[in-house]
Amino acid sequence: MDDDSTEARWERRTEIPLAVASLIYLASYAIQVLAQGLPDDLRDLCVAVLLIAWALFAVDYAVRWRLSGQRLSFVRRHWLDTVVLILPLLRPLRVVRVYEAVQRRHGRPRLVLHARVIVYAGLSTVLLGFAGALAVYQQERGAPDATMRTFGDAVWWTCSTLATVGYGDIAPVTPLGRLIAIGLMAIGLALLGAVTGTFASWLLQVFSREDDERPPGS
């Protein structure tokens, strides 16, 4: 995409507002899930905030679709944006893009490529882990034979799942909870692969640089 195109200018102008809306969405969802005995007025307010934020996401998607002029091919080329629109809990990942955009506006990024990949993967893991813990806890609490009785249990299960450890002491029992578990497992494998692959690439570059700098015959 051309950096001077209308679509690119739209994305640059909406990056920060949509990132703020993403965090507000996540905060409203967290309040709705974790605040037990929430008054009806506050619960309705949280639902309204969720709907307004999702409407903003939908408008942004529709505008970018319109500006791209790609019609149905836009969905194929931006399949991740489509998934995020359907599953707005993934939306806080836009914060990672905003950080990158801010760094670009102030010149070259301060961190080298390998460090940026590791930092962004870590930030993505924290955001997705928190959102996943909320989602699975909402499905599991109160379910018959549930082993996930508190949000702390959900956080512990999420950490072990993302780390691909899976102790098995706590596991979802509802269909939606297990579906969320499958998604977190896939995300955990992808992020772990990104971090380990980037670290291995960095080590290879370091060793290669040391070999190049070593005097002949040493």
N, C-alpha and C. Protein backbone atom coordinates (compact mmCIF):
# COMPACT_ATOMS: atom_id res chain seq x y z
N MET A 1 0.84 -1.20 0.00
CA MET A 1 0.00 0.00 0.00
C MET A 1 0.87 1.25 0.00
N ASP A 2 0.59 2.18 -0.90
CA ASP A 2 1.35 3.42 -1.00
C ASP A 2 1.15 4.25 0.25
N ASP A 3 2.30 4.74 0.83
CA ASP A 3 2.22 5.53 2.05
C ASP A 3 1.47 6.83 1.86
N ASP A 4 1.35 7.32 0.60
CA ASP A 4 0.65 8.57 0.33
C ASP A 4 -0.77 8.35 -0.16
N SER A 5 -1.23 7.10 -0.17
CA SER A 5 -2.58 6.82 -0.64
C SER A 5 -3.60 7.29 0.39
N THR A 6 -4.83 7.42 -0.07
CA THR A 6 -5.91 7.85 0.83
C THR A 6 -6.10 6.86 1.96
N GLU A 7 -5.99 5.57 1.65
CA GLU A 7 -6.16 4.54 2.67
C GLU A 7 -5.06 4.65 3.72
N ALA A 8 -3.82 4.89 3.28
CA ALA A 8 -2.71 5.02 4.22
C ALA A 8 -2.89 6.24 5.12
N ARG A 9 -3.34 7.33 4.57
CA ARG A 9 -3.56 8.53 5.38
C ARG A 9 -4.68 8.30 6.39
N TRP A 10 -5.72 7.58 5.98
CA TRP A 10 -6.81 7.26 6.89
C TRP A 10 -6.29 6.41 8.06
N GLU A 11 -5.47 5.42 7.76
CA GLU A 11 -4.95 4.54 8.81
C GLU A 11 -4.06 5.32 9.78
N ARG A 12 -3.25 6.23 9.26
CA ARG A 12 -2.38 7.01 10.14
C ARG A 12 -3.21 7.91 11.07
N ARG A 13 -4.31 8.46 10.57
CA ARG A 13 -5.13 9.36 11.38
C ARG A 13 -5.97 8.61 12.42
N THR A 14 -6.28 7.37 12.14
CA THR A 14 -7.18 6.63 13.04
C THR A 14 -6.45 5.65 13.96
N GLU A 15 -5.14 5.49 13.81
CA GLU A 15 -4.39 4.51 14.60
C GLU A 15 -4.57 4.74 16.10
N ILE A 16 -4.26 5.94 16.57
CA ILE A 16 -4.31 6.20 18.01
C ILE A 16 -5.75 6.20 18.54
N PRO A 17 -6.72 6.88 17.88
CA PRO A 17 -8.11 6.81 18.38
C PRO A 17 -8.65 5.39 18.47
N LEU A 18 -8.35 4.58 17.47
CA LEU A 18 -8.84 3.20 17.51
C LEU A 18 -8.12 2.37 18.56
N ALA A 19 -6.85 2.67 18.81
CA ALA A 19 -6.14 1.96 19.88
C ALA A 19 -6.75 2.28 21.23
N VAL A 20 -7.08 3.56 21.44
CA VAL A 20 -7.75 3.95 22.69
C VAL A 20 -9.10 3.25 22.81
N ALA A 21 -9.84 3.22 21.71
CA ALA A 21 -11.14 2.53 21.72
C ALA A 21 -10.97 1.04 22.02
N SER A 22 -9.87 0.45 21.54
CA SER A 22 -9.61 -0.96 21.80
C SER A 22 -9.39 -1.22 23.28
N LEU A 23 -8.61 -0.36 23.92
CA LEU A 23 -8.35 -0.53 25.35
C LEU A 23 -9.61 -0.28 26.17
N ILE A 24 -10.41 0.71 25.76
CA ILE A 24 -11.69 0.96 26.44
C ILE A 24 -12.62 -0.24 26.29
N TYR A 25 -12.62 -0.83 25.11
CA TYR A 25 -13.43 -2.04 24.88
C TYR A 25 -13.00 -3.15 25.82
N LEU A 26 -11.69 -3.38 25.92
CA LEU A 26 -11.20 -4.45 26.79
C LEU A 26 -11.51 -4.15 28.25
N ALA A 27 -11.36 -2.88 28.66
CA ALA A 27 -11.65 -2.52 30.04
C ALA A 27 -13.14 -2.71 30.36
N SER A 28 -14.02 -2.32 29.45
CA SER A 28 -15.46 -2.49 29.67
C SER A 28 -15.82 -3.96 29.75
N TYR A 29 -15.21 -4.76 28.90
CA TYR A 29 -15.47 -6.20 28.94
C TYR A 29 -14.98 -6.80 30.25
N ALA A 30 -13.80 -6.36 30.71
CA ALA A 30 -13.26 -6.88 31.97
C ALA A 30 -14.17 -6.52 33.14
N ILE A 31 -14.67 -5.30 33.16
CA ILE A 31 -15.58 -4.88 34.25
C ILE A 31 -16.84 -5.73 34.22
N GLN A 32 -17.35 -5.95 33.03
CA GLN A 32 -18.59 -6.73 32.90
C GLN A 32 -18.39 -8.17 33.38
N VAL A 33 -17.21 -8.74 33.14
CA VAL A 33 -16.96 -10.13 33.51
C VAL A 33 -16.59 -10.26 34.99
N LEU A 34 -15.75 -9.36 35.47
CA LEU A 34 -15.17 -9.53 36.81
C LEU A 34 -15.98 -8.89 37.93
N ALA A 35 -16.72 -7.84 37.62
CA ALA A 35 -17.47 -7.15 38.67
C ALA A 35 -18.75 -7.90 38.98
N GLN A 36 -18.74 -8.65 40.05
CA GLN A 36 -19.91 -9.41 40.45
C GLN A 36 -20.94 -8.47 41.10
N GLY A 37 -22.20 -8.68 40.82
CA GLY A 37 -23.25 -7.86 41.40
C GLY A 37 -23.23 -6.43 40.89
N LEU A 38 -22.79 -6.23 39.65
CA LEU A 38 -22.75 -4.89 39.07
C LEU A 38 -24.16 -4.36 38.90
N PRO A 39 -24.44 -3.11 39.33
CA PRO A 39 -25.78 -2.55 39.14
C PRO A 39 -26.18 -2.56 37.67
N ASP A 40 -27.48 -2.66 37.45
CA ASP A 40 -27.97 -2.76 36.07
C ASP A 40 -27.57 -1.55 35.23
N ASP A 41 -27.56 -0.36 35.84
CA ASP A 41 -27.20 0.84 35.08
C ASP A 41 -25.75 0.77 34.59
N LEU A 42 -24.85 0.34 35.47
CA LEU A 42 -23.45 0.24 35.08
C LEU A 42 -23.24 -0.88 34.07
N ARG A 43 -23.97 -1.97 34.24
CA ARG A 43 -23.85 -3.07 33.28
C ARG A 43 -24.34 -2.64 31.90
N ASP A 44 -25.45 -1.89 31.88
CA ASP A 44 -25.95 -1.38 30.60
C ASP A 44 -24.95 -0.41 29.98
N LEU A 45 -24.27 0.38 30.82
CA LEU A 45 -23.28 1.31 30.31
C LEU A 45 -22.11 0.56 29.68
N CYS A 46 -21.67 -0.51 30.33
CA CYS A 46 -20.59 -1.32 29.77
C CYS A 46 -20.98 -1.91 28.42
N VAL A 47 -22.21 -2.42 28.35
CA VAL A 47 -22.68 -2.98 27.08
C VAL A 47 -22.73 -1.90 26.01
N ALA A 48 -23.18 -0.70 26.37
CA ALA A 48 -23.25 0.40 25.41
C ALA A 48 -21.85 0.77 24.92
N VAL A 49 -20.88 0.80 25.84
CA VAL A 49 -19.51 1.12 25.45
C VAL A 49 -18.97 0.05 24.49
N LEU A 50 -19.26 -1.21 24.78
CA LEU A 50 -18.82 -2.29 23.90
C LEU A 50 -19.40 -2.14 22.50
N LEU A 51 -20.68 -1.82 22.43
CA LEU A 51 -21.35 -1.69 21.13
C LEU A 51 -20.81 -0.48 20.36
N ILE A 52 -20.60 0.64 21.06
CA ILE A 52 -20.09 1.84 20.39
C ILE A 52 -18.68 1.59 19.86
N ALA A 53 -17.84 0.95 20.69
CA ALA A 53 -16.46 0.67 20.25
C ALA A 53 -16.47 -0.27 19.05
N TRP A 54 -17.31 -1.31 19.11
CA TRP A 54 -17.38 -2.24 17.97
C TRP A 54 -17.89 -1.52 16.73
N ALA A 55 -18.83 -0.60 16.89
CA ALA A 55 -19.32 0.18 15.74
C ALA A 55 -18.19 1.00 15.12
N LEU A 56 -17.31 1.56 15.95
CA LEU A 56 -16.16 2.30 15.43
C LEU A 56 -15.24 1.38 14.64
N PHE A 57 -15.02 0.17 15.14
CA PHE A 57 -14.19 -0.79 14.42
C PHE A 57 -14.81 -1.13 13.07
N ALA A 58 -16.14 -1.33 13.07
CA ALA A 58 -16.83 -1.67 11.83
C ALA A 58 -16.76 -0.53 10.82
N VAL A 59 -16.90 0.70 11.29
CA VAL A 59 -16.82 1.86 10.39
C VAL A 59 -15.42 1.96 9.80
N ASP A 60 -14.39 1.77 10.64
CA ASP A 60 -13.01 1.81 10.14
C ASP A 60 -12.79 0.75 9.08
N TYR A 61 -13.28 -0.46 9.32
CA TYR A 61 -13.13 -1.56 8.35
C TYR A 61 -13.84 -1.21 7.04
N ALA A 62 -15.05 -0.67 7.15
CA ALA A 62 -15.83 -0.32 5.96
C ALA A 62 -15.16 0.80 5.16
N VAL A 63 -14.63 1.80 5.86
CA VAL A 63 -13.96 2.91 5.16
C VAL A 63 -12.72 2.42 4.45
N ARG A 64 -11.91 1.60 5.11
CA ARG A 64 -10.69 1.11 4.47
C ARG A 64 -11.02 0.20 3.29
N TRP A 65 -12.10 -0.56 3.43
CA TRP A 65 -12.56 -1.40 2.32
C TRP A 65 -12.96 -0.52 1.13
N ARG A 66 -13.69 0.55 1.42
CA ARG A 66 -14.12 1.45 0.36
C ARG A 66 -12.95 2.17 -0.29
N LEU A 67 -12.01 2.64 0.51
CA LEU A 67 -10.88 3.39 -0.02
C LEU A 67 -9.92 2.50 -0.80
N SER A 68 -9.84 1.24 -0.45
CA SER A 68 -8.92 0.34 -1.14
C SER A 68 -9.34 0.05 -2.57
N GLY A 69 -10.66 0.08 -2.83
CA GLY A 69 -11.17 -0.23 -4.15
C GLY A 69 -10.97 -1.68 -4.55
N GLN A 70 -10.74 -2.57 -3.58
CA GLN A 70 -10.44 -3.97 -3.87
C GLN A 70 -11.66 -4.88 -3.82
N ARG A 71 -12.76 -4.37 -3.32
CA ARG A 71 -13.99 -5.16 -3.19
C ARG A 71 -13.72 -6.44 -2.41
N LEU A 72 -14.12 -7.60 -2.95
CA LEU A 72 -14.00 -8.84 -2.18
C LEU A 72 -12.54 -9.24 -1.94
N SER A 73 -11.64 -8.82 -2.80
CA SER A 73 -10.24 -9.17 -2.59
C SER A 73 -9.69 -8.52 -1.33
N PHE A 74 -10.32 -7.44 -0.86
CA PHE A 74 -9.89 -6.79 0.38
C PHE A 74 -10.01 -7.75 1.55
N VAL A 75 -11.08 -8.54 1.57
CA VAL A 75 -11.30 -9.50 2.66
C VAL A 75 -10.20 -10.55 2.65
N ARG A 76 -9.81 -11.01 1.47
CA ARG A 76 -8.77 -12.04 1.39
C ARG A 76 -7.40 -11.48 1.77
N ARG A 77 -7.12 -10.27 1.35
CA ARG A 77 -5.81 -9.69 1.64
C ARG A 77 -5.70 -9.17 3.07
N HIS A 78 -6.84 -8.87 3.68
CA HIS A 78 -6.85 -8.37 5.06
C HIS A 78 -7.67 -9.33 5.93
N TRP A 79 -7.37 -10.61 5.81
CA TRP A 79 -8.16 -11.61 6.53
C TRP A 79 -8.02 -11.46 8.04
N LEU A 80 -6.84 -11.01 8.50
CA LEU A 80 -6.67 -10.83 9.94
C LEU A 80 -7.56 -9.70 10.46
N ASP A 81 -7.68 -8.61 9.68
CA ASP A 81 -8.57 -7.53 10.08
C ASP A 81 -10.02 -8.00 10.15
N THR A 82 -10.38 -8.90 9.23
CA THR A 82 -11.73 -9.45 9.24
C THR A 82 -11.98 -10.29 10.48
N VAL A 83 -10.99 -11.11 10.85
CA VAL A 83 -11.11 -11.93 12.06
C VAL A 83 -11.23 -11.05 13.29
N VAL A 84 -10.42 -9.98 13.35
CA VAL A 84 -10.46 -9.08 14.50
C VAL A 84 -11.80 -8.36 14.59
N LEU A 85 -12.39 -8.05 13.43
CA LEU A 85 -13.71 -7.42 13.45
C LEU A 85 -14.76 -8.36 14.03
N ILE A 86 -14.65 -9.64 13.70
CA ILE A 86 -15.59 -10.63 14.22
C ILE A 86 -15.31 -10.94 15.69
N LEU A 87 -14.02 -10.95 16.05
CA LEU A 87 -13.60 -11.22 17.43
C LEU A 87 -12.91 -9.98 17.99
N PRO A 88 -13.64 -8.98 18.41
CA PRO A 88 -13.04 -7.71 18.82
C PRO A 88 -12.17 -7.80 20.06
N LEU A 89 -12.19 -8.91 20.79
CA LEU A 89 -11.28 -9.04 21.93
C LEU A 89 -9.82 -9.06 21.49
N LEU A 90 -9.58 -9.36 20.21
CA LEU A 90 -8.22 -9.32 19.69
C LEU A 90 -7.79 -7.91 19.33
N ARG A 91 -8.71 -6.97 19.43
CA ARG A 91 -8.47 -5.62 18.97
C ARG A 91 -7.35 -4.89 19.72
N PRO A 92 -7.13 -5.13 21.02
CA PRO A 92 -6.03 -4.42 21.70
C PRO A 92 -4.67 -4.63 21.08
N LEU A 93 -4.51 -5.62 20.21
CA LEU A 93 -3.22 -5.80 19.54
C LEU A 93 -2.86 -4.59 18.69
N ARG A 94 -3.83 -3.75 18.40
CA ARG A 94 -3.55 -2.53 17.63
C ARG A 94 -2.57 -1.63 18.39
N VAL A 95 -2.50 -1.80 19.71
CA VAL A 95 -1.56 -1.00 20.49
C VAL A 95 -0.13 -1.25 20.01
N VAL A 96 0.16 -2.47 19.61
CA VAL A 96 1.49 -2.80 19.09
C VAL A 96 1.76 -2.01 17.82
N ARG A 97 0.77 -1.92 16.94
CA ARG A 97 0.93 -1.16 15.70
C ARG A 97 1.11 0.33 15.99
N VAL A 98 0.40 0.82 16.99
CA VAL A 98 0.53 2.24 17.33
C VAL A 98 1.94 2.55 17.81
N TYR A 99 2.49 1.69 18.65
CA TYR A 99 3.86 1.90 19.13
C TYR A 99 4.83 1.95 17.97
N GLU A 100 4.66 1.04 17.03
CA GLU A 100 5.53 1.03 15.86
C GLU A 100 5.36 2.31 15.04
N ALA A 101 4.11 2.77 14.89
CA ALA A 101 3.86 3.99 14.11
C ALA A 101 4.48 5.21 14.78
N VAL A 102 4.39 5.28 16.11
CA VAL A 102 4.98 6.41 16.83
C VAL A 102 6.49 6.41 16.67
N GLN A 103 7.10 5.25 16.71
CA GLN A 103 8.55 5.15 16.53
C GLN A 103 8.95 5.61 15.12
N ARG A 104 8.14 5.25 14.12
CA ARG A 104 8.45 5.67 12.76
C ARG A 104 8.36 7.18 12.60
N ARG A 105 7.38 7.80 13.29
CA ARG A 105 7.22 9.24 13.16
C ARG A 105 8.37 10.01 13.81
N HIS A 106 9.03 9.39 14.76
CA HIS A 106 10.17 10.04 15.42
C HIS A 106 11.50 9.57 14.85
N GLY A 107 11.45 9.08 13.64
CA GLY A 107 12.67 8.57 13.01
C GLY A 107 12.70 7.06 13.04
N ARG A 108 13.86 6.51 12.92
CA ARG A 108 14.00 5.06 12.91
C ARG A 108 13.69 4.49 14.29
N PRO A 109 13.11 3.27 14.35
CA PRO A 109 12.83 2.65 15.65
C PRO A 109 14.09 2.52 16.51
N ARG A 110 13.91 2.69 17.81
CA ARG A 110 15.06 2.66 18.71
C ARG A 110 15.61 1.24 18.89
N LEU A 111 14.77 0.25 18.76
CA LEU A 111 15.21 -1.12 18.94
C LEU A 111 15.51 -1.77 17.59
N VAL A 112 16.49 -2.65 17.58
CA VAL A 112 16.79 -3.39 16.36
C VAL A 112 15.65 -4.36 16.08
N LEU A 113 15.65 -4.91 14.87
CA LEU A 113 14.54 -5.74 14.43
C LEU A 113 14.28 -6.91 15.37
N HIS A 114 15.34 -7.62 15.76
CA HIS A 114 15.16 -8.81 16.60
C HIS A 114 14.55 -8.43 17.95
N ALA A 115 15.02 -7.34 18.55
CA ALA A 115 14.47 -6.91 19.84
C ALA A 115 13.01 -6.48 19.69
N ARG A 116 12.68 -5.81 18.58
CA ARG A 116 11.30 -5.38 18.37
C ARG A 116 10.37 -6.56 18.26
N VAL A 117 10.79 -7.60 17.54
CA VAL A 117 9.95 -8.79 17.41
C VAL A 117 9.69 -9.42 18.77
N ILE A 118 10.73 -9.52 19.60
CA ILE A 118 10.57 -10.14 20.91
C ILE A 118 9.68 -9.28 21.81
N VAL A 119 9.89 -7.94 21.78
CA VAL A 119 9.06 -7.05 22.60
C VAL A 119 7.62 -7.09 22.16
N TYR A 120 7.37 -7.04 20.85
CA TYR A 120 6.00 -7.04 20.35
C TYR A 120 5.32 -8.37 20.63
N ALA A 121 6.07 -9.47 20.51
CA ALA A 121 5.49 -10.77 20.81
C ALA A 121 5.13 -10.88 22.29
N GLY A 122 5.98 -10.32 23.16
CA GLY A 122 5.67 -10.32 24.59
C GLY A 122 4.44 -9.48 24.90
N LEU A 123 4.36 -8.29 24.30
CA LEU A 123 3.19 -7.44 24.53
C LEU A 123 1.92 -8.09 24.00
N SER A 124 2.02 -8.72 22.83
CA SER A 124 0.87 -9.42 22.27
C SER A 124 0.43 -10.56 23.18
N THR A 125 1.39 -11.26 23.76
CA THR A 125 1.05 -12.38 24.65
C THR A 125 0.30 -11.89 25.88
N VAL A 126 0.74 -10.78 26.46
CA VAL A 126 0.07 -10.24 27.65
C VAL A 126 -1.36 -9.82 27.31
N LEU A 127 -1.54 -9.09 26.22
CA LEU A 127 -2.88 -8.62 25.84
C LEU A 127 -3.80 -9.77 25.49
N LEU A 128 -3.32 -10.69 24.68
CA LEU A 128 -4.15 -11.83 24.29
C LEU A 128 -4.42 -12.75 25.47
N GLY A 129 -3.42 -12.90 26.33
CA GLY A 129 -3.62 -13.75 27.50
C GLY A 129 -4.68 -13.19 28.43
N PHE A 130 -4.66 -11.89 28.67
CA PHE A 130 -5.67 -11.27 29.52
C PHE A 130 -7.06 -11.39 28.90
N ALA A 131 -7.16 -11.10 27.60
CA ALA A 131 -8.44 -11.21 26.92
C ALA A 131 -8.93 -12.66 26.91
N GLY A 132 -8.01 -13.60 26.67
CA GLY A 132 -8.40 -15.01 26.67
C GLY A 132 -8.84 -15.49 28.03
N ALA A 133 -8.16 -15.04 29.08
CA ALA A 133 -8.56 -15.42 30.44
C ALA A 133 -9.96 -14.91 30.76
N LEU A 134 -10.24 -13.66 30.36
CA LEU A 134 -11.58 -13.12 30.57
C LEU A 134 -12.63 -13.93 29.84
N ALA A 135 -12.35 -14.23 28.57
CA ALA A 135 -13.34 -14.93 27.75
C ALA A 135 -13.63 -16.33 28.27
N VAL A 136 -12.57 -17.06 28.62
CA VAL A 136 -12.78 -18.43 29.09
C VAL A 136 -13.42 -18.44 30.47
N TYR A 137 -13.07 -17.48 31.32
CA TYR A 137 -13.67 -17.41 32.64
C TYR A 137 -15.16 -17.11 32.55
N GLN A 138 -15.53 -16.25 31.61
CA GLN A 138 -16.95 -15.94 31.43
C GLN A 138 -17.75 -17.19 31.05
N GLN A 139 -17.14 -18.07 30.27
CA GLN A 139 -17.83 -19.28 29.85
C GLN A 139 -17.83 -20.37 30.92
N GLU A 140 -16.76 -20.42 31.71
CA GLU A 140 -16.58 -21.54 32.63
C GLU A 140 -17.21 -21.34 34.00
N ARG A 141 -17.29 -20.11 34.46
CA ARG A 141 -17.79 -19.89 35.82
C ARG A 141 -19.24 -20.36 35.92
N GLY A 142 -19.49 -21.11 36.94
CA GLY A 142 -20.84 -21.62 37.15
C GLY A 142 -21.20 -22.83 36.34
N ALA A 143 -20.30 -23.30 35.45
CA ALA A 143 -20.62 -24.48 34.65
C ALA A 143 -20.50 -25.73 35.51
N PRO A 144 -21.35 -26.74 35.27
CA PRO A 144 -21.25 -27.99 36.03
C PRO A 144 -19.89 -28.65 35.85
N ASP A 145 -19.34 -29.14 36.95
CA ASP A 145 -18.05 -29.84 36.95
C ASP A 145 -16.89 -28.93 36.50
N ALA A 146 -17.05 -27.61 36.60
CA ALA A 146 -15.99 -26.69 36.18
C ALA A 146 -14.85 -26.73 37.19
N THR A 147 -13.63 -26.76 36.70
CA THR A 147 -12.44 -26.68 37.55
C THR A 147 -11.90 -25.25 37.63
N MET A 148 -12.42 -24.39 36.78
CA MET A 148 -12.00 -22.99 36.73
C MET A 148 -13.01 -22.17 37.50
N ARG A 149 -12.78 -22.01 38.81
CA ARG A 149 -13.78 -21.38 39.68
C ARG A 149 -13.53 -19.90 39.92
N THR A 150 -12.31 -19.42 39.72
CA THR A 150 -11.99 -18.02 39.95
C THR A 150 -11.25 -17.47 38.73
N PHE A 151 -11.15 -16.13 38.68
CA PHE A 151 -10.39 -15.53 37.59
C PHE A 151 -8.91 -15.87 37.72
N GLY A 152 -8.44 -16.04 38.95
CA GLY A 152 -7.07 -16.48 39.14
C GLY A 152 -6.81 -17.83 38.50
N ASP A 153 -7.78 -18.74 38.62
CA ASP A 153 -7.66 -20.03 37.94
C ASP A 153 -7.57 -19.84 36.43
N ALA A 154 -8.37 -18.91 35.91
CA ALA A 154 -8.35 -18.65 34.46
C ALA A 154 -7.01 -18.09 34.01
N VAL A 155 -6.43 -17.20 34.82
CA VAL A 155 -5.12 -16.64 34.48
C VAL A 155 -4.05 -17.72 34.51
N TRP A 156 -4.09 -18.57 35.54
CA TRP A 156 -3.11 -19.67 35.64
C TRP A 156 -3.23 -20.60 34.45
N TRP A 157 -4.47 -20.96 34.09
CA TRP A 157 -4.69 -21.83 32.94
C TRP A 157 -4.20 -21.17 31.65
N THR A 158 -4.45 -19.89 31.49
CA THR A 158 -4.04 -19.18 30.29
C THR A 158 -2.52 -19.15 30.17
N CYS A 159 -1.84 -18.87 31.28
CA CYS A 159 -0.37 -18.83 31.26
C CYS A 159 0.21 -20.19 30.87
N SER A 160 -0.32 -21.25 31.46
CA SER A 160 0.20 -22.58 31.14
C SER A 160 -0.13 -22.98 29.71
N THR A 161 -1.26 -22.51 29.19
CA THR A 161 -1.65 -22.82 27.82
C THR A 161 -0.78 -22.07 26.82
N LEU A 162 -0.59 -20.76 27.04
CA LEU A 162 0.24 -19.98 26.13
C LEU A 162 1.70 -20.45 26.16
N ALA A 163 2.14 -20.94 27.31
CA ALA A 163 3.50 -21.45 27.43
C ALA A 163 3.62 -22.87 26.88
N THR A 164 2.50 -23.42 26.39
CA THR A 164 2.44 -24.78 25.83
C THR A 164 2.84 -25.84 26.85
N VAL A 165 2.63 -25.53 28.14
CA VAL A 165 2.94 -26.49 29.20
C VAL A 165 1.74 -27.39 29.45
N GLY A 166 0.60 -26.77 29.80
CA GLY A 166 -0.64 -27.53 29.97
C GLY A 166 -0.57 -28.56 31.07
N TYR A 167 -0.60 -28.10 32.33
CA TYR A 167 -0.51 -29.04 33.46
C TYR A 167 -1.72 -29.97 33.55
N GLY A 168 -2.89 -29.51 33.12
CA GLY A 168 -4.07 -30.35 33.15
C GLY A 168 -4.85 -30.30 34.44
N ASP A 169 -4.34 -29.55 35.45
CA ASP A 169 -5.07 -29.47 36.71
C ASP A 169 -6.32 -28.61 36.56
N ILE A 170 -6.27 -27.64 35.63
CA ILE A 170 -7.42 -26.80 35.33
C ILE A 170 -7.64 -26.84 33.83
N ALA A 171 -8.89 -27.11 33.43
CA ALA A 171 -9.18 -27.19 32.00
C ALA A 171 -10.62 -26.78 31.76
N PRO A 172 -10.90 -26.15 30.63
CA PRO A 172 -12.29 -25.78 30.32
C PRO A 172 -13.14 -27.00 30.03
N VAL A 173 -14.41 -26.92 30.40
CA VAL A 173 -15.33 -28.03 30.18
C VAL A 173 -16.47 -27.67 29.24
N THR A 174 -16.68 -26.39 28.99
CA THR A 174 -17.75 -25.96 28.10
C THR A 174 -17.26 -25.95 26.66
N PRO A 175 -18.17 -26.11 25.68
CA PRO A 175 -17.74 -26.09 24.26
C PRO A 175 -17.04 -24.79 23.87
N LEU A 176 -17.58 -23.64 24.26
CA LEU A 176 -16.95 -22.37 23.90
C LEU A 176 -15.61 -22.20 24.61
N GLY A 177 -15.56 -22.66 25.86
CA GLY A 177 -14.30 -22.59 26.59
C GLY A 177 -13.21 -23.40 25.91
N ARG A 178 -13.56 -24.58 25.41
CA ARG A 178 -12.57 -25.41 24.72
C ARG A 178 -12.19 -24.80 23.37
N LEU A 179 -13.14 -24.13 22.72
CA LEU A 179 -12.83 -23.46 21.47
C LEU A 179 -11.83 -22.32 21.70
N ILE A 180 -12.03 -21.58 22.79
CA ILE A 180 -11.08 -20.53 23.15
C ILE A 180 -9.72 -21.15 23.46
N ALA A 181 -9.72 -22.31 24.10
CA ALA A 181 -8.46 -22.99 24.42
C ALA A 181 -7.69 -23.34 23.15
N ILE A 182 -8.39 -23.80 22.13
CA ILE A 182 -7.73 -24.15 20.87
C ILE A 182 -7.07 -22.91 20.27
N GLY A 183 -7.79 -21.77 20.31
CA GLY A 183 -7.22 -20.54 19.79
C GLY A 183 -5.98 -20.09 20.55
N LEU A 184 -6.03 -20.20 21.88
CA LEU A 184 -4.88 -19.80 22.69
C LEU A 184 -3.69 -20.73 22.47
N MET A 185 -3.97 -22.02 22.27
CA MET A 185 -2.87 -22.95 21.98
C MET A 185 -2.17 -22.57 20.68
N ALA A 186 -2.98 -22.27 19.65
CA ALA A 186 -2.40 -21.88 18.36
C ALA A 186 -1.60 -20.59 18.48
N ILE A 187 -2.14 -19.63 19.23
CA ILE A 187 -1.44 -18.36 19.42
C ILE A 187 -0.14 -18.57 20.19
N GLY A 188 -0.21 -19.41 21.22
CA GLY A 188 0.98 -19.68 22.02
C GLY A 188 2.09 -20.30 21.18
N LEU A 189 1.74 -21.26 20.33
CA LEU A 189 2.75 -21.88 19.47
C LEU A 189 3.34 -20.88 18.49
N ALA A 190 2.46 -20.01 17.92
CA ALA A 190 2.94 -19.02 16.95
C ALA A 190 3.88 -18.01 17.60
N LEU A 191 3.50 -17.50 18.77
CA LEU A 191 4.33 -16.51 19.45
C LEU A 191 5.64 -17.12 19.93
N LEU A 192 5.56 -18.34 20.45
CA LEU A 192 6.78 -19.01 20.90
C LEU A 192 7.72 -19.25 19.73
N GLY A 193 7.15 -19.64 18.58
CA GLY A 193 7.97 -19.84 17.39
C GLY A 193 8.61 -18.54 16.92
N ALA A 194 7.85 -17.45 17.00
CA ALA A 194 8.38 -16.15 16.57
C ALA A 194 9.55 -15.72 17.46
N VAL A 195 9.39 -15.89 18.77
CA VAL A 195 10.44 -15.46 19.69
C VAL A 195 11.68 -16.34 19.55
N THR A 196 11.50 -17.65 19.56
CA THR A 196 12.66 -18.55 19.48
C THR A 196 13.35 -18.43 18.13
N GLY A 197 12.56 -18.28 17.05
CA GLY A 197 13.16 -18.13 15.73
C GLY A 197 13.96 -16.84 15.62
N THR A 198 13.40 -15.75 16.17
CA THR A 198 14.10 -14.47 16.13
C THR A 198 15.37 -14.52 16.96
N PHE A 199 15.31 -15.14 18.13
CA PHE A 199 16.49 -15.25 18.99
C PHE A 199 17.57 -16.10 18.32
N ALA A 200 17.14 -17.19 17.68
CA ALA A 200 18.11 -18.04 16.98
C ALA A 200 18.76 -17.28 15.83
N SER A 201 17.96 -16.50 15.09
CA SER A 201 18.51 -15.70 14.00
C SER A 201 19.52 -14.67 14.52
N TRP A 202 19.22 -14.06 15.64
CA TRP A 202 20.13 -13.08 16.22
C TRP A 202 21.44 -13.73 16.64
N LEU A 203 21.36 -14.93 17.24
CA LEU A 203 22.58 -15.64 17.64
C LEU A 203 23.43 -15.99 16.42
N LEU A 204 22.79 -16.42 15.34
CA LEU A 204 23.53 -16.75 14.13
C LEU A 204 24.26 -15.52 13.58
N GLN A 205 23.58 -14.36 13.63
CA GLN A 205 24.23 -13.14 13.16
C GLN A 205 25.41 -12.76 14.05
N VAL A 206 25.26 -12.92 15.36
CA VAL A 206 26.36 -12.59 16.27
C VAL A 206 27.55 -13.49 16.01
N PHE A 207 27.32 -14.80 15.89
CA PHE A 207 28.42 -15.74 15.67
C PHE A 207 29.07 -15.50 14.31
N SER A 208 28.24 -15.18 13.30
CA SER A 208 28.78 -14.91 11.98
C SER A 208 29.64 -13.66 11.99
N ARG A 209 29.21 -12.63 12.74
CA ARG A 209 29.98 -11.40 12.83
C ARG A 209 31.31 -11.64 13.55
N GLU A 210 31.27 -12.49 14.60
CA GLU A 210 32.51 -12.79 15.32
C GLU A 210 33.48 -13.55 14.44
N ASP A 211 32.97 -14.45 13.60
CA ASP A 211 33.85 -15.20 12.69
C ASP A 211 34.47 -14.27 11.66
N ASP A 212 33.69 -13.30 11.18
CA ASP A 212 34.22 -12.37 10.18
C ASP A 212 35.30 -11.46 10.76
N GLU A 213 35.16 -11.12 12.06
CA GLU A 213 36.11 -10.22 12.68
C GLU A 213 37.36 -10.92 13.21
N ARG A 214 37.31 -12.25 13.26
CA ARG A 214 38.45 -12.99 13.79
C ARG A 214 39.62 -12.93 12.80
N PRO A 215 40.80 -12.64 13.28
CA PRO A 215 41.97 -12.55 12.37
C PRO A 215 42.24 -13.90 11.71
N PRO A 216 42.74 -13.90 10.48
CA PRO A 216 43.04 -15.17 9.80
C PRO A 216 44.08 -15.97 10.55
N GLY A 217 43.88 -17.26 10.61
CA GLY A 217 44.82 -18.14 11.24
C GLY A 217 44.68 -18.25 12.73
N SER A 218 43.74 -17.50 13.34
CA SER A 218 43.57 -17.56 14.78
C SER A 218 42.69 -18.73 15.17
